[in-house]
Amino acid sequence: MEMTSVSLKRGCLVVEDNDSVTPHEETKKQKVSEGCVTNSPDGVESDSLHSSETKPGPPEAESTLKDGENSGAQVQEEEEEEEEEDGLSEAGEEEEPESFADMMKHGLTELDVGITKFVSPHQGFSGILKERYSDFVVHEIGKDGRISHLDDLSVPVDEEDPPEDALTVLTAEDRQQLEELQLFKNKETSVAIEVIEDTKEKRTIIHQAIKSLFPGLETKTEEREGKRYIVAYHAAGKKALANPRKHSWPKSRGSYCHFVLYKENKDTMDAINVLSKYLRVKPNIFSYMGTKDKRAITVQEIAVLKISAQRLAHLNKCLMNFKLGNFSYQKTPLKLGELQGNHFTVVLRNITGTDEQVQQAMHSLQQTGFINYYGMQRFGTTAVPTYQVGRAILQNSWTEVMDLILKPRSGAEKGYLVKCREEWAKTKDPASALKKLPVKRCVEGQLLRGLSKYGLKNIVSAFGIIPRNNRLMYIHSYQSYVWNSMVSRRIELYGLKPVPGDLVLKGVSEAYREMLAADNLDIDNMRHTIRDYSLSGAYRKIIIRPQSVSWEVVAYDDPKIPLFNTDVDNLEGKPPPVFASEGRYRALKMDFSLPPSTYATMAIREVLKMDTSIKNQTQLNTSWLR
């Protein structure tokens, strides 16, 4: 039985559909580049939609209930140019497991965020989730119901594409000079490249390489002092830079190249930042249907505007932990939320349950389902839950908002972020605290920059510098906290049977009123003086039954070996693992599909009957490693 949620009208819950599904439990550091936190505040990894606003300003002060629209399918452009690497990195430092576990003693547990109930009577057992990031594989399910797989690395044949040699014919110095010319970063009006092996074929390849890799530039051949040069120049001045790809893209080809992105241990934002850096384009020309978690192997469809499959495929030779394939040209981009859901392959290692207990647990998951709680990554990884910031925003307590984001806290954070917080606590000087951050694009850096610009007496405007979706994520966290708490109370009172009040604000409505009143909020009036923070409400199912559920228990001796093949393994022709009838350890391998905006960790929680928080899982993992 699937049940619709208790009523959340009048501003209890607005949740933007996305498919982030797993907690961030990073003990090993695989960086793209430096950053303060992931692209959502306080360590929430990929549970937000991402803004494409270039320079977000103070939110407009309007007394209206309608929430503003946004184009969340695109990656945000940076607020301003800074001398720092593209990409964002995880919130935790590289630590030995014991050190990380010690820091995570201050993290949140499920009880802290309203996750308290189970729906099935089976006996739980212990198991380790994400002991290896490769134990958690996510395949996106498109709007047509097709599960995305990376199974074809070939490039569509297109007579308009330059030959493969065009991608390697230019030297690093040539590329740098051409890029500076393309972006008007120097005073030169042209770049001349000497043709060392002067043949018509070689000149043609250089012409094609420049036009393909540096859209907006034109080329010509000149002879100087007995030598031949390919000269690159701007044909249409700076106007050509506004949309350079239109000058070189074949009219007969769809404007968007769709491809399947396979990535390991990188979130979607990191991945797109890396791709855009190597392609020398803005991240906002990429679109996707949903964000995917970092500590996992994920496979999803991406679309990019007027970048050829040939250029994209060339990245397979340059990048680690990424594979691009299944290329096709389409007329339209992807839109956030168009997906049907995600298919998961999950390994729970070192399980303690008997075969009978495992069968009971999995049959229950298949037939009854699990409570559709918002997972732990919705609430952050430090001792300051993101829902507390959201509550302060709704209360118009802006000094508290500022303090909650910037104050020192226990938990796993980078050293320079710790120093920044300490400087803020000591001086309350935003400029001084900002100097402690080598990278300014994290939420803390953005807020400090806003405080430097607008002053401590205008925190609302300073907070508005943070991209809109990151700001809204704090409020969504509070909504999720309310929903989790109310669902736990509703199931405790009524179990799984439908009751009056599930669809309208009756029956359990007093519980809402009491909870919000305790936070100085009125459920009948969730309007806010700032339009973005006014909440209209939505419905969410209480129970989710996974589809396509299958499982097996396997025995193994080496905790470091993979227990199933990935798409890349299959492409490389690796045979699937062979398991012995007995082994030192036992693992439960699960496969299931979920709709968008549901959390695989909550399904796993129902199977194990145990806390899935990073705090608890880290302690389990550390104990086993010892």
Foldseek 3Di string as FASTA:
>chain_A
DWFWFFFWFLFLADADFFFEFDADQDQAFDDPFEAFAALFAQQLHFRFQAAQDQFFFFFDFAFDQDADDGQSQFHHFHNDDDPTAWFYTHFFDNDDLVVQLVLLLLWDFCVVLQFDDKFDDFDFWDFFFPLDLAQKEKWFQFLVRDTDFFFFLDFDDDPLAADLVLQPLDDPVRVVVLVCQLVVVDPDFKDKAWDPPDDPVSVVSPQRSSCQLRFQKHWDWDADPNTIIIMIGGPPPPVCSVPRLVVRFDPVFAFKKKKKKKFAQAKPSRVLRVVCVVSVHTRRQKGFAHIYGRSHTYIGMMMGGRRGSSVVSVCVVVDPRMHIHPIGTDNDGDGHNRTFFMKMKHKTWQIDDDPVSLVSLLVCLQPPNTFQAQDPSLFHSWNQTLLVLLLCVLVVVLVVNLCSRQAATGHGGDPLSNVLNVVCVVPVQLVVSLVSDPDQLHLSSQLSVLCVVPNPVPSSRSNSSSDLRSVVSSNNSNSSSLSSNLLVVCCVVPNPDDDPSRHPCDDCVVVVQVVVVVSVDGSNHSTDSRSNRNGRTDMDIGGDRWPPKDKDKFAEEDPPDDQFDGSVCVSVPHDTDDTDPHYPMMMMIIITIDGIPGHVLRSVCNSNVDIPRSSVSSVVSVVVVD
